[in-house]
Structures are given as structure tokens and as C-alpha cells.
PDB file of N, CA and C in Angstrom:
ATOM      1  N   MET A   1      45.983  70.660  38.801  1.00  0.00           N
ATOM      2  CA  MET A   1      46.378  70.108  37.532  1.00  0.00           C
ATOM      3  C   MET A   1      46.997  71.230  36.689  1.00  0.00           C
ATOM      4  N   GLU A   2      47.946  70.901  35.877  1.00  0.00           N
ATOM      5  CA  GLU A   2      48.632  71.905  35.074  1.00  0.00           C
ATOM      6  C   GLU A   2      47.802  72.283  33.848  1.00  0.00           C
ATOM      7  N   THR A   3      47.610  73.590  33.669  1.00  0.00           N
ATOM      8  CA  THR A   3      46.805  74.111  32.562  1.00  0.00           C
ATOM      9  C   THR A   3      47.606  74.089  31.260  1.00  0.00           C
ATOM     10  N   PRO A   4      46.950  74.337  30.126  1.00  0.00           N
ATOM     11  CA  PRO A   4      47.686  74.453  28.869  1.00  0.00           C
ATOM     12  C   PRO A   4      48.712  75.586  28.889  1.00  0.00           C
ATOM     13  N   ALA A   5      48.540  76.566  29.788  1.00  0.00           N
ATOM     14  CA  ALA A   5      49.497  77.667  29.911  1.00  0.00           C
ATOM     15  C   ALA A   5      50.681  77.280  30.791  1.00  0.00           C
ATOM     16  N   GLY A   6      50.665  76.080  31.377  1.00  0.00           N
ATOM     17  CA  GLY A   6      51.778  75.599  32.174  1.00  0.00           C
ATOM     18  C   GLY A   6      51.741  75.979  33.642  1.00  0.00           C
ATOM     19  N   ARG A   7      50.586  76.429  34.145  1.00  0.00           N
ATOM     20  CA  ARG A   7      50.459  76.812  35.554  1.00  0.00           C
ATOM     21  C   ARG A   7      49.482  75.877  36.244  1.00  0.00           C
ATOM     22  N   GLU A   8      49.670  75.695  37.539  1.00  0.00           N
ATOM     23  CA  GLU A   8      48.785  74.828  38.320  1.00  0.00           C
ATOM     24  C   GLU A   8      47.476  75.555  38.621  1.00  0.00           C
ATOM     25  N   CYS A   9      46.355  74.875  38.395  1.00  0.00           N
ATOM     26  CA  CYS A   9      45.045  75.452  38.691  1.00  0.00           C
ATOM     27  C   CYS A   9      44.118  74.336  39.165  1.00  0.00           C
ATOM     28  N   PRO A  10      43.497  74.504  40.341  1.00  0.00           N
ATOM     29  CA  PRO A  10      42.604  73.457  40.845  1.00  0.00           C
ATOM     30  C   PRO A  10      41.279  73.375  40.094  1.00  0.00           C
ATOM     31  N   HIS A  11      40.977  74.354  39.239  1.00  0.00           N
ATOM     32  CA  HIS A  11      39.694  74.377  38.537  1.00  0.00           C
ATOM     33  C   HIS A  11      39.795  73.861  37.109  1.00  0.00           C
ATOM     34  N   TYR A  12      41.018  73.543  36.679  1.00  0.00           N
ATOM     35  CA  TYR A  12      41.225  72.986  35.342  1.00  0.00           C
ATOM     36  C   TYR A  12      41.183  71.464  35.439  1.00  0.00           C
ATOM     37  N   TYR A  13      40.513  70.830  34.474  1.00  0.00           N
ATOM     38  CA  TYR A  13      40.423  69.377  34.462  1.00  0.00           C
ATOM     39  C   TYR A  13      40.742  68.878  33.062  1.00  0.00           C
ATOM     40  N   ALA A  14      41.555  67.844  32.994  1.00  0.00           N
ATOM     41  CA  ALA A  14      41.873  67.222  31.722  1.00  0.00           C
ATOM     42  C   ALA A  14      41.913  65.717  31.904  1.00  0.00           C
ATOM     43  N   ASP A  15      41.388  65.012  30.918  1.00  0.00           N
ATOM     44  CA  ASP A  15      41.440  63.561  30.907  1.00  0.00           C
ATOM     45  C   ASP A  15      41.826  63.148  29.494  1.00  0.00           C
ATOM     46  N   HIS A  16      43.036  62.667  29.354  1.00  0.00           N
ATOM     47  CA  HIS A  16      43.541  62.235  28.048  1.00  0.00           C
ATOM     48  C   HIS A  16      43.615  60.716  28.052  1.00  0.00           C
ATOM     49  N   ASN A  17      42.702  60.105  27.322  1.00  0.00           N
ATOM     50  CA  ASN A  17      42.594  58.660  27.285  1.00  0.00           C
ATOM     51  C   ASN A  17      42.695  58.193  25.845  1.00  0.00           C
ATOM     52  N   ARG A  18      43.421  57.133  25.592  1.00  0.00           N
ATOM     53  CA  ARG A  18      43.592  56.675  24.216  1.00  0.00           C
ATOM     54  C   ARG A  18      42.314  56.098  23.639  1.00  0.00           C
ATOM     55  N   HIS A  19      41.439  55.561  24.476  1.00  0.00           N
ATOM     56  CA  HIS A  19      40.274  54.848  23.968  1.00  0.00           C
ATOM     57  C   HIS A  19      39.028  55.710  23.852  1.00  0.00           C
ATOM     58  N   THR A  20      39.039  56.854  24.476  1.00  0.00           N
ATOM     59  CA  THR A  20      37.886  57.751  24.383  1.00  0.00           C
ATOM     60  C   THR A  20      38.380  59.133  23.985  1.00  0.00           C
ATOM     61  N   ARG A  21      37.474  60.026  23.794  1.00  0.00           N
ATOM     62  CA  ARG A  21      37.881  61.382  23.409  1.00  0.00           C
ATOM     63  C   ARG A  21      38.513  62.107  24.587  1.00  0.00           C
ATOM     64  N   ASP A  22      39.418  63.013  24.286  1.00  0.00           N
ATOM     65  CA  ASP A  22      40.075  63.803  25.325  1.00  0.00           C
ATOM     66  C   ASP A  22      39.092  64.828  25.884  1.00  0.00           C
ATOM     67  N   ILE A  23      39.194  65.057  27.172  1.00  0.00           N
ATOM     68  CA  ILE A  23      38.349  66.051  27.838  1.00  0.00           C
ATOM     69  C   ILE A  23      39.261  67.100  28.459  1.00  0.00           C
ATOM     70  N   GLU A  24      38.985  68.351  28.177  1.00  0.00           N
ATOM     71  CA  GLU A  24      39.655  69.487  28.816  1.00  0.00           C
ATOM     72  C   GLU A  24      38.572  70.496  29.162  1.00  0.00           C
ATOM     73  N   GLU A  25      38.588  70.981  30.392  1.00  0.00           N
ATOM     74  CA  GLU A  25      37.580  71.967  30.764  1.00  0.00           C
ATOM     75  C   GLU A  25      38.048  72.819  31.937  1.00  0.00           C
ATOM     76  N   CYS A  26      37.495  74.009  31.987  1.00  0.00           N
ATOM     77  CA  CYS A  26      37.666  74.881  33.145  1.00  0.00           C
ATOM     78  C   CYS A  26      36.347  74.806  33.903  1.00  0.00           C
ATOM     79  N   ARG A  27      36.406  74.258  35.088  1.00  0.00           N
ATOM     80  CA  ARG A  27      35.168  74.053  35.837  1.00  0.00           C
ATOM     81  C   ARG A  27      34.577  75.355  36.372  1.00  0.00           C
ATOM     82  N   LEU A  28      35.399  76.384  36.539  1.00  0.00           N
ATOM     83  CA  LEU A  28      34.855  77.681  36.947  1.00  0.00           C
ATOM     84  C   LEU A  28      34.043  78.297  35.820  1.00  0.00           C
ATOM     85  N   ALA A  29      34.574  78.251  34.602  1.00  0.00           N
ATOM     86  CA  ALA A  29      33.853  78.814  33.458  1.00  0.00           C
ATOM     87  C   ALA A  29      32.603  77.991  33.159  1.00  0.00           C
ATOM     88  N   LYS A  30      32.709  76.694  33.317  1.00  0.00           N
ATOM     89  CA  LYS A  30      31.574  75.803  33.049  1.00  0.00           C
ATOM     90  C   LYS A  30      30.431  76.041  34.027  1.00  0.00           C
ATOM     91  N   SER A  31      30.755  76.434  35.257  1.00  0.00           N
ATOM     92  CA  SER A  31      29.723  76.641  36.273  1.00  0.00           C
ATOM     93  C   SER A  31      29.016  77.987  36.151  1.00  0.00           C
ATOM     94  N   ASN A  32      29.508  78.865  35.284  1.00  0.00           N
ATOM     95  CA  ASN A  32      28.905  80.189  35.121  1.00  0.00           C
ATOM     96  C   ASN A  32      28.137  80.245  33.800  1.00  0.00           C
ATOM     97  N   PRO A  33      26.808  80.291  33.828  1.00  0.00           N
ATOM     98  CA  PRO A  33      26.035  80.329  32.582  1.00  0.00           C
ATOM     99  C   PRO A  33      26.206  81.633  31.796  1.00  0.00           C
ATOM    100  N   ASP A  34      26.705  82.693  32.447  1.00  0.00           N
ATOM    101  CA  ASP A  34      26.901  83.971  31.763  1.00  0.00           C
ATOM    102  C   ASP A  34      28.223  84.032  31.006  1.00  0.00           C
ATOM    103  N   SER A  35      29.037  83.004  31.136  1.00  0.00           N
ATOM    104  CA  SER A  35      30.360  82.996  30.516  1.00  0.00           C
ATOM    105  C   SER A  35      30.297  82.417  29.104  1.00  0.00           C
ATOM    106  N   GLU A  36      31.175  82.922  28.251  1.00  0.00           N
ATOM    107  CA  GLU A  36      31.345  82.322  26.934  1.00  0.00           C
ATOM    108  C   GLU A  36      31.951  80.935  27.113  1.00  0.00           C
ATOM    109  N   ALA A  37      31.925  80.148  26.074  1.00  0.00           N
ATOM    110  CA  ALA A  37      32.536  78.822  26.136  1.00  0.00           C
ATOM    111  C   ALA A  37      34.047  78.955  26.341  1.00  0.00           C
ATOM    112  N   TRP A  38      34.603  78.097  27.176  1.00  0.00           N
ATOM    113  CA  TRP A  38      36.026  78.120  27.503  1.00  0.00           C
ATOM    114  C   TRP A  38      36.833  77.492  26.376  1.00  0.00           C
ATOM    115  N   HIS A  39      38.003  78.060  26.115  1.00  0.00           N
ATOM    116  CA  HIS A  39      38.978  77.512  25.175  1.00  0.00           C
ATOM    117  C   HIS A  39      40.311  77.403  25.906  1.00  0.00           C
ATOM    118  N   PRO A  40      41.142  76.427  25.586  1.00  0.00           N
ATOM    119  CA  PRO A  40      42.434  76.294  26.275  1.00  0.00           C
ATOM    120  C   PRO A  40      43.298  77.553  26.227  1.00  0.00           C
ATOM    121  N   LYS A  41      43.155  78.374  25.190  1.00  0.00           N
ATOM    122  CA  LYS A  41      43.937  79.613  25.091  1.00  0.00           C
ATOM    123  C   LYS A  41      43.559  80.621  26.183  1.00  0.00           C
ATOM    124  N   ASP A  42      42.374  80.470  26.775  1.00  0.00           N
ATOM    125  CA  ASP A  42      41.945  81.390  27.834  1.00  0.00           C
ATOM    126  C   ASP A  42      42.813  81.264  29.083  1.00  0.00           C
ATOM    127  N   CYS A  43      43.468  80.134  29.262  1.00  0.00           N
ATOM    128  CA  CYS A  43      44.314  79.920  30.440  1.00  0.00           C
ATOM    129  C   CYS A  43      45.517  80.862  30.467  1.00  0.00           C
ATOM    130  N   VAL A  44      45.950  81.339  29.316  1.00  0.00           N
ATOM    131  CA  VAL A  44      47.106  82.235  29.260  1.00  0.00           C
ATOM    132  C   VAL A  44      46.803  83.543  29.990  1.00  0.00           C
ATOM    133  N   LYS A  45      45.580  84.057  29.855  1.00  0.00           N
ATOM    134  CA  LYS A  45      45.207  85.342  30.450  1.00  0.00           C
ATOM    135  C   LYS A  45      44.518  85.207  31.799  1.00  0.00           C
ATOM    136  N   CYS A  46      44.318  83.987  32.258  1.00  0.00           N
ATOM    137  CA  CYS A  46      43.518  83.756  33.460  1.00  0.00           C
ATOM    138  C   CYS A  46      44.296  84.066  34.738  1.00  0.00           C
ATOM    139  N   PRO A  47      43.716  84.884  35.644  1.00  0.00           N
ATOM    140  CA  PRO A  47      44.388  85.206  36.898  1.00  0.00           C
ATOM    141  C   PRO A  47      44.116  84.202  38.025  1.00  0.00           C
ATOM    142  N   VAL A  48      43.287  83.193  37.791  1.00  0.00           N
ATOM    143  CA  VAL A  48      42.886  82.277  38.869  1.00  0.00           C
ATOM    144  C   VAL A  48      44.074  81.561  39.523  1.00  0.00           C
ATOM    145  N   PRO A  49      45.062  81.044  38.784  1.00  0.00           N
ATOM    146  CA  PRO A  49      46.186  80.401  39.484  1.00  0.00           C
ATOM    147  C   PRO A  49      46.899  81.345  40.459  1.00  0.00           C
ATOM    148  N   ASP A  50      47.058  82.609  40.086  1.00  0.00           N
ATOM    149  CA  ASP A  50      47.683  83.580  40.991  1.00  0.00           C
ATOM    150  C   ASP A  50      46.788  83.875  42.190  1.00  0.00           C
ATOM    151  N   ILE A  51      45.486  83.947  41.955  1.00  0.00           N
ATOM    152  CA  ILE A  51      44.537  84.206  43.045  1.00  0.00           C
ATOM    153  C   ILE A  51      44.555  83.056  44.041  1.00  0.00           C
ATOM    154  N   VAL A  52      44.591  81.829  43.546  1.00  0.00           N
ATOM    155  CA  VAL A  52      44.600  80.666  44.435  1.00  0.00           C
ATOM    156  C   VAL A  52      45.876  80.637  45.277  1.00  0.00           C
ATOM    157  N   LEU A  53      46.990  81.058  44.702  1.00  0.00           N
ATOM    158  CA  LEU A  53      48.234  81.120  45.474  1.00  0.00           C
ATOM    159  C   LEU A  53      48.172  82.202  46.550  1.00  0.00           C
ATOM    160  N   ALA A  54      47.515  83.322  46.248  1.00  0.00           N
ATOM    161  CA  ALA A  54      47.462  84.445  47.182  1.00  0.00           C
ATOM    162  C   ALA A  54      46.390  84.275  48.248  1.00  0.00           C
ATOM    163  N   ASN A  55      45.300  83.587  47.928  1.00  0.00           N
ATOM    164  CA  ASN A  55      44.146  83.517  48.816  1.00  0.00           C
ATOM    165  C   ASN A  55      43.761  82.062  49.042  1.00  0.00           C
ATOM    166  N   ALA A  56      43.956  81.575  50.237  1.00  0.00           N
ATOM    167  CA  ALA A  56      43.610  80.193  50.561  1.00  0.00           C
ATOM    168  C   ALA A  56      42.325  80.108  51.379  1.00  0.00           C
ATOM    169  N   SER A  57      41.534  81.158  51.370  1.00  0.00           N
ATOM    170  CA  SER A  57      40.314  81.192  52.175  1.00  0.00           C
ATOM    171  C   SER A  57      39.282  80.199  51.632  1.00  0.00           C
ATOM    172  N   PRO A  58      38.811  79.276  52.460  1.00  0.00           N
ATOM    173  CA  PRO A  58      37.781  78.344  52.002  1.00  0.00           C
ATOM    174  C   PRO A  58      36.407  78.998  51.899  1.00  0.00           C
ATOM    175  N   ASP A  59      36.269  80.215  52.427  1.00  0.00           N
ATOM    176  CA  ASP A  59      34.983  80.908  52.424  1.00  0.00           C
ATOM    177  C   ASP A  59      34.841  81.885  51.267  1.00  0.00           C
ATOM    178  N   THR A  60      35.751  81.834  50.308  1.00  0.00           N
ATOM    179  CA  THR A  60      35.700  82.719  49.151  1.00  0.00           C
ATOM    180  C   THR A  60      35.318  81.917  47.925  1.00  0.00           C
ATOM    181  N   GLN A  61      34.261  82.342  47.261  1.00  0.00           N
ATOM    182  CA  GLN A  61      33.817  81.680  46.038  1.00  0.00           C
ATOM    183  C   GLN A  61      34.247  82.528  44.845  1.00  0.00           C
ATOM    184  N   LEU A  62      34.954  81.921  43.904  1.00  0.00           N
ATOM    185  CA  LEU A  62      35.382  82.618  42.703  1.00  0.00           C
ATOM    186  C   LEU A  62      34.366  82.409  41.594  1.00  0.00           C
ATOM    187  N   ILE A  63      34.108  83.487  40.854  1.00  0.00           N
ATOM    188  CA  ILE A  63      33.211  83.427  39.704  1.00  0.00           C
ATOM    189  C   ILE A  63      33.994  83.925  38.499  1.00  0.00           C
ATOM    190  N   LEU A  64      34.195  83.043  37.529  1.00  0.00           N
ATOM    191  CA  LEU A  64      34.971  83.369  36.339  1.00  0.00           C
ATOM    192  C   LEU A  64      34.021  83.603  35.179  1.00  0.00           C
ATOM    193  N   THR A  65      34.235  84.707  34.473  1.00  0.00           N
ATOM    194  CA  THR A  65      33.417  85.029  33.310  1.00  0.00           C
ATOM    195  C   THR A  65      34.341  85.315  32.137  1.00  0.00           C
ATOM    196  N   ILE A  66      34.095  84.628  31.041  1.00  0.00           N
ATOM    197  CA  ILE A  66      34.835  84.873  29.804  1.00  0.00           C
ATOM    198  C   ILE A  66      33.919  85.683  28.906  1.00  0.00           C
ATOM    199  N   LYS A  67      34.415  86.828  28.471  1.00  0.00           N
ATOM    200  CA  LYS A  67      33.619  87.717  27.623  1.00  0.00           C
ATOM    201  C   LYS A  67      34.317  87.904  26.291  1.00  0.00           C
ATOM    202  N   ALA A  68      33.530  87.806  25.237  1.00  0.00           N
ATOM    203  CA  ALA A  68      34.064  88.042  23.895  1.00  0.00           C
ATOM    204  C   ALA A  68      34.036  89.534  23.624  1.00  0.00           C
ATOM    205  N   GLY A  69      35.101  90.040  23.047  1.00  0.00           N
ATOM    206  CA  GLY A  69      35.191  91.459  22.731  1.00  0.00           C
ATOM    207  C   GLY A  69      34.550  91.773  21.394  1.00  0.00           C
ATOM    208  N   PHE A  70      34.982  92.869  20.824  1.00  0.00           N
ATOM    209  CA  PHE A  70      34.443  93.351  19.563  1.00  0.00           C
ATOM    210  C   PHE A  70      34.640  92.303  18.471  1.00  0.00           C
ATOM    211  N   LEU A  71      33.548  91.892  17.844  1.00  0.00           N
ATOM    212  CA  LEU A  71      33.530  90.874  16.789  1.00  0.00           C
ATOM    213  C   LEU A  71      34.129  89.547  17.235  1.00  0.00           C
ATOM    214  N   GLY A  72      34.250  89.338  18.541  1.00  0.00           N
ATOM    215  CA  GLY A  72      34.736  88.077  19.068  1.00  0.00           C
ATOM    216  C   GLY A  72      36.233  87.872  18.974  1.00  0.00           C
ATOM    217  N   PHE A  73      36.986  88.932  18.619  1.00  0.00           N
ATOM    218  CA  PHE A  73      38.428  88.769  18.441  1.00  0.00           C
ATOM    219  C   PHE A  73      39.195  88.783  19.753  1.00  0.00           C
ATOM    220  N   VAL A  74      38.849  89.673  20.642  1.00  0.00           N
ATOM    221  CA  VAL A  74      39.577  89.791  21.905  1.00  0.00           C
ATOM    222  C   VAL A  74      38.703  89.218  23.013  1.00  0.00           C
ATOM    223  N   ARG A  75      39.217  88.215  23.685  1.00  0.00           N
ATOM    224  CA  ARG A  75      38.468  87.603  24.782  1.00  0.00           C
ATOM    225  C   ARG A  75      39.059  88.072  26.103  1.00  0.00           C
ATOM    226  N   ARG A  76      38.177  88.378  27.061  1.00  0.00           N
ATOM    227  CA  ARG A  76      38.622  88.808  28.391  1.00  0.00           C
ATOM    228  C   ARG A  76      38.213  87.756  29.403  1.00  0.00           C
ATOM    229  N   VAL A  77      39.087  87.538  30.366  1.00  0.00           N
ATOM    230  CA  VAL A  77      38.807  86.625  31.464  1.00  0.00           C
ATOM    231  C   VAL A  77      38.690  87.478  32.726  1.00  0.00           C
ATOM    232  N   GLU A  78      37.497  87.517  33.309  1.00  0.00           N
ATOM    233  CA  GLU A  78      37.246  88.329  34.497  1.00  0.00           C
ATOM    234  C   GLU A  78      36.907  87.420  35.670  1.00  0.00           C
ATOM    235  N   VAL A  79      37.438  87.762  36.829  1.00  0.00           N
ATOM    236  CA  VAL A  79      37.189  86.975  38.034  1.00  0.00           C
ATOM    237  C   VAL A  79      36.672  87.907  39.125  1.00  0.00           C
ATOM    238  N   GLU A  80      35.601  87.501  39.759  1.00  0.00           N
ATOM    239  CA  GLU A  80      35.128  88.218  40.941  1.00  0.00           C
ATOM    240  C   GLU A  80      35.000  87.205  42.070  1.00  0.00           C
ATOM    241  N   ALA A  81      35.053  87.706  43.283  1.00  0.00           N
ATOM    242  CA  ALA A  81      35.007  86.830  44.457  1.00  0.00           C
ATOM    243  C   ALA A  81      33.889  87.271  45.381  1.00  0.00           C
ATOM    244  N   ILE A  82      33.234  86.285  45.970  1.00  0.00           N
ATOM    245  CA  ILE A  82      32.158  86.546  46.914  1.00  0.00           C
ATOM    246  C   ILE A  82      32.486  85.813  48.207  1.00  0.00           C
ATOM    247  N   CYS A  83      32.380  86.537  49.316  1.00  0.00           N
ATOM    248  CA  CYS A  83      32.589  85.937  50.626  1.00  0.00           C
ATOM    249  C   CYS A  83      31.330  85.152  50.992  1.00  0.00           C
ATOM    250  N   LEU A  84      31.474  83.868  51.239  1.00  0.00           N
ATOM    251  CA  LEU A  84      30.311  83.031  51.551  1.00  0.00           C
ATOM    252  C   LEU A  84      29.751  83.307  52.942  1.00  0.00           C
ATOM    253  N   LYS A  85      30.533  83.947  53.803  1.00  0.00           N
ATOM    254  CA  LYS A  85      30.064  84.250  55.160  1.00  0.00           C
ATOM    255  C   LYS A  85      29.049  85.381  55.175  1.00  0.00           C
ATOM    256  N   ASN A  86      29.312  86.434  54.368  1.00  0.00           N
ATOM    257  CA  ASN A  86      28.407  87.584  54.396  1.00  0.00           C
ATOM    258  C   ASN A  86      27.792  87.913  53.034  1.00  0.00           C
ATOM    259  N   GLY A  87      28.174  87.199  51.983  1.00  0.00           N
ATOM    260  CA  GLY A  87      27.582  87.388  50.663  1.00  0.00           C
ATOM    261  C   GLY A  87      28.057  88.617  49.922  1.00  0.00           C
ATOM    262  N   GLU A  88      29.068  89.291  50.428  1.00  0.00           N
ATOM    263  CA  GLU A  88      29.564  90.506  49.784  1.00  0.00           C
ATOM    264  C   GLU A  88      30.698  90.200  48.808  1.00  0.00           C
ATOM    265  N   LYS A  89      30.831  91.087  47.801  1.00  0.00           N
ATOM    266  CA  LYS A  89      31.970  90.978  46.896  1.00  0.00           C
ATOM    267  C   LYS A  89      33.227  91.413  47.630  1.00  0.00           C
ATOM    268  N   VAL A  90      34.304  90.669  47.403  1.00  0.00           N
ATOM    269  CA  VAL A  90      35.578  90.972  48.051  1.00  0.00           C
ATOM    270  C   VAL A  90      36.678  90.934  47.004  1.00  0.00           C
ATOM    271  N   ASP A  91      37.839  91.417  47.396  1.00  0.00           N
ATOM    272  CA  ASP A  91      39.007  91.346  46.526  1.00  0.00           C
ATOM    273  C   ASP A  91      39.410  89.876  46.391  1.00  0.00           C
ATOM    274  N   PRO A  92      39.479  89.354  45.156  1.00  0.00           N
ATOM    275  CA  PRO A  92      39.805  87.931  44.994  1.00  0.00           C
ATOM    276  C   PRO A  92      41.157  87.547  45.575  1.00  0.00           C
ATOM    277  N   TYR A  93      42.115  88.462  45.570  1.00  0.00           N
ATOM    278  CA  TYR A  93      43.451  88.155  46.061  1.00  0.00           C
ATOM    279  C   TYR A  93      43.522  88.148  47.596  1.00  0.00           C
ATOM    280  N   VAL A  94      42.511  88.726  48.251  1.00  0.00           N
ATOM    281  CA  VAL A  94      42.503  88.803  49.713  1.00  0.00           C
ATOM    282  C   VAL A  94      41.482  87.839  50.303  1.00  0.00           C
ATOM    283  N   GLY A  95      40.286  87.798  49.754  1.00  0.00           N
ATOM    284  CA  GLY A  95      39.243  86.910  50.263  1.00  0.00           C
ATOM    285  C   GLY A  95      38.432  87.560  51.360  1.00  0.00           C
ATOM    286  N   CYS A  96      37.778  86.735  52.159  1.00  0.00           N
ATOM    287  CA  CYS A  96      36.907  87.217  53.236  1.00  0.00           C
ATOM    288  C   CYS A  96      37.729  87.942  54.295  1.00  0.00           C
ATOM    289  N   PRO A  97      37.279  89.123  54.709  1.00  0.00           N
ATOM    290  CA  PRO A  97      38.039  89.868  55.716  1.00  0.00           C
ATOM    291  C   PRO A  97      38.077  89.169  57.071  1.00  0.00           C
ATOM    292  N   ASP A  98      37.072  88.368  57.384  1.00  0.00           N
ATOM    293  CA  ASP A  98      37.045  87.663  58.669  1.00  0.00           C
ATOM    294  C   ASP A  98      38.112  86.575  58.762  1.00  0.00           C
ATOM    295  N   ASP A  99      38.619  86.131  57.616  1.00  0.00           N
ATOM    296  CA  ASP A  99      39.614  85.059  57.603  1.00  0.00           C
ATOM    297  C   ASP A  99      41.028  85.555  57.850  1.00  0.00           C
ATOM    298  N   HIS A 100      41.196  86.863  58.010  1.00  0.00           N
ATOM    299  CA  HIS A 100      42.528  87.438  58.165  1.00  0.00           C
ATOM    300  C   HIS A 100      42.608  88.307  59.417  1.00  0.00           C
ATOM    301  N   PRO A 101      42.596  87.725  60.608  1.00  0.00           N
ATOM    302  CA  PRO A 101      42.673  88.552  61.821  1.00  0.00           C
ATOM    303  C   PRO A 101      43.988  89.316  61.906  1.00  0.00           C
ATOM    304  N   GLY A 102      45.010  88.825  61.258  1.00  0.00           N
ATOM    305  CA  GLY A 102      46.304  89.517  61.253  1.00  0.00           C
ATOM    306  C   GLY A 102      46.225  90.860  60.566  1.00  0.00           C
ATOM    307  N   LEU A 103      45.331  91.000  59.597  1.00  0.00           N
ATOM    308  CA  LEU A 103      45.173  92.284  58.911  1.00  0.00           C
ATOM    309  C   LEU A 103      44.639  93.348  59.862  1.00  0.00           C
ATOM    310  N   ASP A 104      43.702  92.960  60.721  1.00  0.00           N
ATOM    311  CA  ASP A 104      43.164  93.921  61.691  1.00  0.00           C
ATOM    312  C   ASP A 104      44.251  94.363  62.666  1.00  0.00           C
ATOM    313  N   ILE A 105      45.076  93.435  63.119  1.00  0.00           N
ATOM    314  CA  ILE A 105      46.176  93.767  64.022  1.00  0.00           C
ATOM    315  C   ILE A 105      47.150  94.718  63.331  1.00  0.00           C
ATOM    316  N   PHE A 106      47.421  94.448  62.065  1.00  0.00           N
ATOM    317  CA  PHE A 106      48.325  95.295  61.293  1.00  0.00           C
ATOM    318  C   PHE A 106      47.747  96.697  61.125  1.00  0.00           C
ATOM    319  N   ARG A 107      46.444  96.786  60.815  1.00  0.00           N
ATOM    320  CA  ARG A 107      45.793  98.096  60.674  1.00  0.00           C
ATOM    321  C   ARG A 107      45.826  98.871  61.991  1.00  0.00           C
ATOM    322  N   GLN A 108      45.547  98.187  63.090  1.00  0.00           N
ATOM    323  CA  GLN A 108      45.575  98.843  64.399  1.00  0.00           C
ATOM    324  C   GLN A 108      46.967  99.350  64.721  1.00  0.00           C
ATOM    325  N   ALA A 109      47.980  98.571  64.371  1.00  0.00           N
ATOM    326  CA  ALA A 109      49.360  99.004  64.625  1.00  0.00           C
ATOM    327  C   ALA A 109      49.698 100.232  63.796  1.00  0.00           C
ATOM    328  N   LEU A 110      49.234 100.280  62.555  1.00  0.00           N
ATOM    329  CA  LEU A 110      49.468 101.443  61.713  1.00  0.00           C
ATOM    330  C   LEU A 110      48.769 102.678  62.269  1.00  0.00           C
ATOM    331  N   GLU A 111      47.520 102.498  62.720  1.00  0.00           N
ATOM    332  CA  GLU A 111      46.761 103.622  63.253  1.00  0.00           C
ATOM    333  C   GLU A 111      47.400 104.162  64.536  1.00  0.00           C
ATOM    334  N   SER A 112      47.898 103.279  65.382  1.00  0.00           N
ATOM    335  CA  SER A 112      48.507 103.729  66.628  1.00  0.00           C
ATOM    336  C   SER A 112      49.856 104.406  66.384  1.00  0.00           C
ATOM    337  N   SER A 113      50.553 104.020  65.326  1.00  0.00           N
ATOM    338  CA  SER A 113      51.835 104.661  65.026  1.00  0.00           C
ATOM    339  C   SER A 113      51.641 106.051  64.409  1.00  0.00           C
ATOM    340  N   ASP A 114      50.459 106.304  63.836  1.00  0.00           N
ATOM    341  CA  ASP A 114      50.168 107.623  63.256  1.00  0.00           C
ATOM    342  C   ASP A 114      49.868 108.648  64.328  1.00  0.00           C
ATOM    343  N   ASP A 115      49.462 108.208  65.499  1.00  0.00           N
ATOM    344  CA  ASP A 115      49.080 109.155  66.570  1.00  0.00           C
ATOM    345  C   ASP A 115      50.257 109.845  67.164  1.00  0.00           C
TER     346      ASP A 115
END
């Protein structure tokens, strides 16, 4: 679904109905109790749409945390990723290392060319 920032994000949800109140939410922020409350302006700084485009691993869980800065003026959107296969933190843009056998082949080719 398209966010208020104009980018596609699978974790953004909006329901605009004439007969009931409008609903807009970020389901990643809502699922994290350590996060500040989500506001539509947070989508402008959010890296999740780019991460989803770069990493299609179904075994990577994203955790989004919105933190209020000094006196609540500057808000930060932080994303960390956890590999569900081994429980370790991974680079959100890459995902679980087991899901990319091509990376190992590429590393081996680089190592053999250095010899």
C-alpha cells in the first residue's frame, strides 16, 4: 500500500471510509512496544520500503523503532533485522546469509582470484 510519503510499503495500512473514522497505521511500529507512537510524517524518513525492495528473504524479521529525540522535536526511525533461522541480527538490506548461496560463490571467486 502506498504510504503518506508516496512509497509502497507492505507494513503500512490505511482504511478510508466515509461512514467510519479513517485508519492509518504502521504495523511494524505497532508491533513493537518499545517504539513511540507512529505518525504519518515518520514515513518520510523510514527505510523499510527500500529494505523490502533490496531483501526479499522470508526468514528475515524487521523490527522498527521510532525514538523521540531531545524534547521530542527530532524523531528517528530505526530498523533492525533478525534472521529467524538462527536468531542473529543481520543487515536488513541483505537478510539471512543462508538465503543467498550466490554470495558464497561470489566470495569464493574473489578469494581464488586473490591467490
